[in-house]
């Protein structure tokens, strides 16, 4: 199993228009380094995986179960499995590091 990833060497995976991710996965958890272009949006969706993330740069409006919050700095968020959520980047874009448990099979 791979144990070291260098983000600058990893391929980007397009999630939706204007949103890419670099994926690192272990057996029981997964990291997703997500880059959102200015004003890019991740449409509302849900998945059974628990998701925890941390803002790396920029501003992002995160809506979880209908409640919107603007995140910036190194703020950390938690999205329980099965809960609808969406995100919209600010005018300068955003970068966030998401962790999923268990790993999302469709991202491997």
N, C-alpha and C. Protein backbone atom coordinates (compact mmCIF):
# COMPACT_ATOMS: atom_id res chain seq x y z
N UNK A 1 0.85 -1.18 0.00
CA UNK A 1 0.00 0.00 0.00
C UNK A 1 0.89 1.25 0.00
N UNK A 2 0.50 2.23 -0.77
CA UNK A 2 1.25 3.48 -0.83
C UNK A 2 1.13 4.22 0.50
N UNK A 3 2.21 4.82 0.95
CA UNK A 3 2.21 5.49 2.25
C UNK A 3 2.59 6.97 2.18
N UNK A 4 3.16 7.43 1.08
CA UNK A 4 3.55 8.83 0.92
C UNK A 4 2.97 9.36 -0.39
N UNK A 5 2.33 10.53 -0.30
CA UNK A 5 1.80 11.21 -1.49
C UNK A 5 2.38 12.61 -1.53
N UNK A 6 2.73 13.07 -2.71
CA UNK A 6 3.21 14.44 -2.91
C UNK A 6 2.17 15.15 -3.76
N UNK A 7 1.38 16.05 -3.18
CA UNK A 7 0.28 16.67 -3.92
C UNK A 7 0.68 17.26 -5.27
N UNK A 8 1.86 17.85 -5.36
CA UNK A 8 2.28 18.45 -6.63
C UNK A 8 2.53 17.40 -7.71
N UNK A 9 2.65 16.13 -7.33
CA UNK A 9 2.84 15.04 -8.30
C UNK A 9 1.55 14.27 -8.59
N UNK A 10 0.51 14.52 -7.81
CA UNK A 10 -0.73 13.75 -7.94
C UNK A 10 -1.61 14.28 -9.07
N UNK A 11 -2.28 13.39 -9.79
CA UNK A 11 -3.21 13.86 -10.81
C UNK A 11 -4.46 14.47 -10.17
N UNK A 12 -5.04 15.45 -10.83
CA UNK A 12 -6.29 16.05 -10.37
C UNK A 12 -7.46 15.33 -11.00
N UNK A 13 -8.49 15.12 -10.21
CA UNK A 13 -9.72 14.48 -10.68
C UNK A 13 -10.81 15.55 -10.70
N UNK A 14 -11.46 15.74 -11.84
CA UNK A 14 -12.54 16.72 -11.95
C UNK A 14 -13.78 16.15 -11.29
N UNK A 15 -14.31 16.87 -10.28
CA UNK A 15 -15.52 16.41 -9.59
C UNK A 15 -16.76 17.00 -10.25
N UNK A 16 -16.75 18.29 -10.47
CA UNK A 16 -17.80 19.03 -11.18
C UNK A 16 -17.08 20.19 -11.86
N UNK A 17 -17.73 20.90 -12.77
CA UNK A 17 -17.04 22.03 -13.40
C UNK A 17 -16.49 23.02 -12.36
N UNK A 18 -15.21 23.33 -12.48
CA UNK A 18 -14.56 24.27 -11.59
C UNK A 18 -14.08 23.70 -10.27
N UNK A 19 -14.24 22.38 -10.09
CA UNK A 19 -13.84 21.75 -8.82
C UNK A 19 -13.02 20.49 -9.12
N UNK A 20 -11.79 20.46 -8.59
CA UNK A 20 -10.93 19.29 -8.77
C UNK A 20 -10.47 18.79 -7.41
N UNK A 21 -10.03 17.52 -7.39
CA UNK A 21 -9.54 16.93 -6.15
C UNK A 21 -8.35 16.05 -6.43
N UNK A 22 -7.47 15.99 -5.46
CA UNK A 22 -6.34 15.06 -5.47
C UNK A 22 -6.60 14.10 -4.32
N UNK A 23 -6.67 12.80 -4.65
CA UNK A 23 -7.14 11.79 -3.71
C UNK A 23 -6.00 10.92 -3.19
N UNK A 24 -5.96 10.73 -1.87
CA UNK A 24 -5.05 9.79 -1.23
C UNK A 24 -5.89 8.89 -0.34
N UNK A 25 -5.81 7.57 -0.57
CA UNK A 25 -6.69 6.66 0.15
C UNK A 25 -5.93 5.54 0.83
N UNK A 26 -6.35 5.28 2.06
CA UNK A 26 -5.87 4.13 2.79
C UNK A 26 -6.98 3.11 2.86
N UNK A 27 -6.85 2.15 3.76
CA UNK A 27 -7.86 1.10 3.88
C UNK A 27 -9.14 1.60 4.55
N UNK A 28 -9.02 2.50 5.56
CA UNK A 28 -10.18 2.90 6.33
C UNK A 28 -10.50 4.38 6.27
N UNK A 29 -9.65 5.18 5.62
CA UNK A 29 -9.95 6.60 5.48
C UNK A 29 -9.34 7.13 4.19
N UNK A 30 -9.79 8.32 3.81
CA UNK A 30 -9.36 8.93 2.55
C UNK A 30 -9.23 10.43 2.74
N UNK A 31 -8.19 11.02 2.12
CA UNK A 31 -8.04 12.47 2.04
C UNK A 31 -8.37 12.91 0.62
N UNK A 32 -8.98 14.06 0.53
CA UNK A 32 -9.29 14.67 -0.77
C UNK A 32 -8.91 16.15 -0.66
N UNK A 33 -7.87 16.55 -1.39
CA UNK A 33 -7.45 17.95 -1.43
C UNK A 33 -8.23 18.61 -2.55
N UNK A 34 -9.21 19.42 -2.18
CA UNK A 34 -10.19 19.96 -3.14
C UNK A 34 -9.88 21.41 -3.46
N UNK A 35 -9.81 21.71 -4.76
CA UNK A 35 -9.60 23.08 -5.23
C UNK A 35 -10.84 23.55 -5.96
N UNK A 36 -11.39 24.66 -5.50
CA UNK A 36 -12.58 25.25 -6.12
C UNK A 36 -12.17 26.55 -6.80
N UNK A 37 -12.46 26.68 -8.07
CA UNK A 37 -12.20 27.92 -8.79
C UNK A 37 -13.13 29.01 -8.24
N UNK A 38 -12.84 30.29 -8.52
CA UNK A 38 -13.71 31.36 -8.03
C UNK A 38 -15.19 31.11 -8.34
N UNK A 39 -16.01 31.22 -7.32
CA UNK A 39 -17.47 31.07 -7.40
C UNK A 39 -17.94 29.69 -7.86
N UNK A 40 -17.06 28.70 -7.91
CA UNK A 40 -17.45 27.34 -8.30
C UNK A 40 -18.35 26.73 -7.22
N UNK A 41 -19.23 25.84 -7.66
CA UNK A 41 -20.19 25.23 -6.73
C UNK A 41 -20.17 23.71 -6.81
N UNK A 42 -20.26 23.08 -5.66
CA UNK A 42 -20.49 21.64 -5.55
C UNK A 42 -21.98 21.51 -5.24
N UNK A 43 -22.75 20.93 -6.16
CA UNK A 43 -24.20 20.84 -5.94
C UNK A 43 -24.55 20.01 -4.70
N UNK A 44 -25.75 20.24 -4.19
CA UNK A 44 -26.19 19.48 -3.02
C UNK A 44 -26.16 17.99 -3.32
N UNK A 45 -25.64 17.24 -2.38
CA UNK A 45 -25.55 15.79 -2.50
C UNK A 45 -25.42 15.20 -1.10
N UNK A 46 -25.45 13.90 -1.01
CA UNK A 46 -25.17 13.22 0.26
C UNK A 46 -24.51 11.89 -0.06
N UNK A 47 -23.86 11.33 0.91
CA UNK A 47 -23.20 10.03 0.79
C UNK A 47 -23.15 9.41 2.18
N UNK A 48 -23.01 8.12 2.28
CA UNK A 48 -23.03 7.48 3.59
C UNK A 48 -21.76 7.72 4.42
N UNK A 49 -20.73 8.26 3.81
CA UNK A 49 -19.44 8.45 4.47
C UNK A 49 -19.46 9.67 5.40
N UNK A 50 -18.85 9.55 6.56
CA UNK A 50 -18.62 10.71 7.40
C UNK A 50 -17.53 11.55 6.73
N UNK A 51 -17.69 12.86 6.74
CA UNK A 51 -16.75 13.75 6.08
C UNK A 51 -16.34 14.86 7.05
N UNK A 52 -15.04 15.03 7.19
CA UNK A 52 -14.52 16.13 8.01
C UNK A 52 -13.53 16.88 7.13
N UNK A 53 -13.55 18.21 7.21
CA UNK A 53 -12.66 18.98 6.36
C UNK A 53 -12.08 20.18 7.08
N UNK A 54 -11.06 20.74 6.44
CA UNK A 54 -10.41 21.93 6.97
C UNK A 54 -10.10 22.87 5.81
N UNK A 55 -10.43 24.12 5.99
CA UNK A 55 -10.11 25.12 4.98
C UNK A 55 -8.59 25.33 4.94
N UNK A 56 -8.05 25.34 3.73
CA UNK A 56 -6.62 25.60 3.55
C UNK A 56 -6.42 27.05 3.11
N UNK A 57 -7.27 27.50 2.18
CA UNK A 57 -7.19 28.89 1.72
C UNK A 57 -8.52 29.31 1.13
N UNK A 58 -8.71 30.62 1.02
CA UNK A 58 -9.93 31.15 0.42
C UNK A 58 -11.11 31.13 1.37
N UNK A 59 -12.27 31.33 0.75
CA UNK A 59 -13.54 31.37 1.48
C UNK A 59 -14.51 30.42 0.79
N UNK A 60 -15.32 29.73 1.59
CA UNK A 60 -16.30 28.80 1.04
C UNK A 60 -17.57 28.86 1.88
N UNK A 61 -18.71 28.95 1.22
CA UNK A 61 -19.98 28.83 1.92
C UNK A 61 -20.38 27.37 1.89
N UNK A 62 -20.50 26.77 3.05
CA UNK A 62 -20.86 25.36 3.18
C UNK A 62 -22.26 25.30 3.77
N UNK A 63 -23.15 24.60 3.09
CA UNK A 63 -24.52 24.41 3.56
C UNK A 63 -24.69 22.95 3.92
N UNK A 64 -25.02 22.67 5.18
CA UNK A 64 -25.21 21.31 5.67
C UNK A 64 -26.60 21.24 6.27
N UNK A 65 -27.42 20.31 5.75
CA UNK A 65 -28.80 20.15 6.23
C UNK A 65 -29.55 21.47 6.21
N UNK A 66 -29.33 22.28 5.16
CA UNK A 66 -30.05 23.52 4.99
C UNK A 66 -29.49 24.72 5.74
N UNK A 67 -28.46 24.51 6.56
CA UNK A 67 -27.86 25.61 7.32
C UNK A 67 -26.54 26.02 6.67
N UNK A 68 -26.47 27.29 6.21
CA UNK A 68 -25.27 27.80 5.53
C UNK A 68 -24.35 28.50 6.51
N UNK A 69 -23.04 28.28 6.32
CA UNK A 69 -22.01 28.98 7.10
C UNK A 69 -20.86 29.32 6.17
N UNK A 70 -20.28 30.48 6.35
CA UNK A 70 -19.11 30.89 5.58
C UNK A 70 -17.87 30.48 6.36
N UNK A 71 -16.97 29.74 5.67
CA UNK A 71 -15.75 29.23 6.29
C UNK A 71 -14.53 29.87 5.67
N UNK A 72 -13.51 30.11 6.49
CA UNK A 72 -12.24 30.64 5.99
C UNK A 72 -11.15 30.27 6.99
N UNK A 73 -9.94 30.79 6.76
CA UNK A 73 -8.84 30.47 7.68
C UNK A 73 -8.61 28.98 7.74
N UNK A 74 -8.37 28.47 8.91
CA UNK A 74 -8.17 27.04 9.08
C UNK A 74 -9.36 26.40 9.78
N UNK A 75 -10.55 26.93 9.52
CA UNK A 75 -11.74 26.39 10.18
C UNK A 75 -11.99 24.95 9.74
N UNK A 76 -12.55 24.18 10.66
CA UNK A 76 -12.79 22.75 10.46
C UNK A 76 -14.29 22.49 10.50
N UNK A 77 -14.75 21.58 9.65
CA UNK A 77 -16.17 21.26 9.59
C UNK A 77 -16.37 19.75 9.59
N UNK A 78 -17.56 19.34 10.03
CA UNK A 78 -17.94 17.92 10.06
C UNK A 78 -19.29 17.77 9.38
N UNK A 79 -19.38 16.79 8.50
CA UNK A 79 -20.64 16.47 7.82
C UNK A 79 -20.94 15.00 8.10
N UNK A 80 -21.97 14.72 8.88
CA UNK A 80 -22.31 13.32 9.16
C UNK A 80 -22.74 12.58 7.89
N UNK A 81 -22.55 11.29 7.87
CA UNK A 81 -22.97 10.49 6.73
C UNK A 81 -24.47 10.62 6.49
N UNK A 82 -24.85 10.66 5.22
CA UNK A 82 -26.25 10.70 4.83
C UNK A 82 -26.91 12.07 4.90
N UNK A 83 -26.17 13.12 5.29
CA UNK A 83 -26.74 14.46 5.42
C UNK A 83 -26.49 15.27 4.15
N UNK A 84 -27.52 15.87 3.56
CA UNK A 84 -27.33 16.68 2.35
C UNK A 84 -26.45 17.90 2.62
N UNK A 85 -25.56 18.19 1.66
CA UNK A 85 -24.67 19.33 1.80
C UNK A 85 -24.23 19.84 0.44
N UNK A 86 -23.80 21.11 0.39
CA UNK A 86 -23.30 21.72 -0.84
C UNK A 86 -22.29 22.78 -0.45
N UNK A 87 -21.49 23.23 -1.43
CA UNK A 87 -20.47 24.24 -1.16
C UNK A 87 -20.35 25.19 -2.34
N UNK A 88 -20.04 26.45 -2.03
CA UNK A 88 -19.81 27.46 -3.06
C UNK A 88 -18.56 28.24 -2.65
N UNK A 89 -17.60 28.31 -3.57
CA UNK A 89 -16.37 29.05 -3.30
C UNK A 89 -16.61 30.55 -3.37
N UNK A 90 -15.76 31.29 -2.68
CA UNK A 90 -15.81 32.75 -2.73
C UNK A 90 -15.23 33.26 -4.04
N UNK A 91 -15.18 34.58 -4.20
CA UNK A 91 -14.72 35.19 -5.44
C UNK A 91 -13.25 34.94 -5.76
N UNK A 92 -12.45 34.52 -4.78
CA UNK A 92 -11.04 34.20 -5.03
C UNK A 92 -10.80 32.70 -5.07
N UNK A 93 -11.87 31.89 -4.99
CA UNK A 93 -11.72 30.45 -4.97
C UNK A 93 -11.44 29.95 -3.56
N UNK A 94 -11.19 28.65 -3.44
CA UNK A 94 -10.94 28.04 -2.13
C UNK A 94 -10.22 26.72 -2.30
N UNK A 95 -9.52 26.33 -1.25
CA UNK A 95 -8.90 25.01 -1.17
C UNK A 95 -9.26 24.44 0.19
N UNK A 96 -9.71 23.20 0.20
CA UNK A 96 -10.07 22.52 1.45
C UNK A 96 -9.50 21.10 1.43
N UNK A 97 -9.17 20.60 2.60
CA UNK A 97 -8.72 19.22 2.73
C UNK A 97 -9.84 18.45 3.42
N UNK A 98 -10.43 17.49 2.70
CA UNK A 98 -11.51 16.67 3.24
C UNK A 98 -10.98 15.29 3.59
N UNK A 99 -11.52 14.73 4.66
CA UNK A 99 -11.25 13.35 5.04
C UNK A 99 -12.58 12.60 5.02
N UNK A 100 -12.56 11.39 4.49
CA UNK A 100 -13.76 10.55 4.44
C UNK A 100 -13.47 9.23 5.14
N UNK A 101 -14.47 8.74 5.88
CA UNK A 101 -14.39 7.43 6.48
C UNK A 101 -15.74 6.76 6.35
N UNK A 102 -15.79 5.58 5.80
CA UNK A 102 -14.70 4.91 5.10
C UNK A 102 -14.40 5.61 3.77
N UNK A 103 -13.36 5.17 3.07
CA UNK A 103 -13.04 5.77 1.77
C UNK A 103 -14.20 5.65 0.79
N UNK A 104 -14.32 6.65 -0.07
CA UNK A 104 -15.36 6.61 -1.11
C UNK A 104 -14.85 5.78 -2.28
N UNK A 105 -15.51 4.70 -2.54
CA UNK A 105 -15.09 3.77 -3.59
C UNK A 105 -15.01 4.45 -4.96
N UNK A 106 -15.95 5.37 -5.25
CA UNK A 106 -15.96 6.00 -6.56
C UNK A 106 -14.79 6.94 -6.78
N UNK A 107 -14.04 7.26 -5.73
CA UNK A 107 -12.87 8.14 -5.86
C UNK A 107 -11.56 7.37 -5.95
N UNK A 108 -11.60 6.09 -5.68
CA UNK A 108 -10.35 5.29 -5.70
C UNK A 108 -9.86 5.10 -7.12
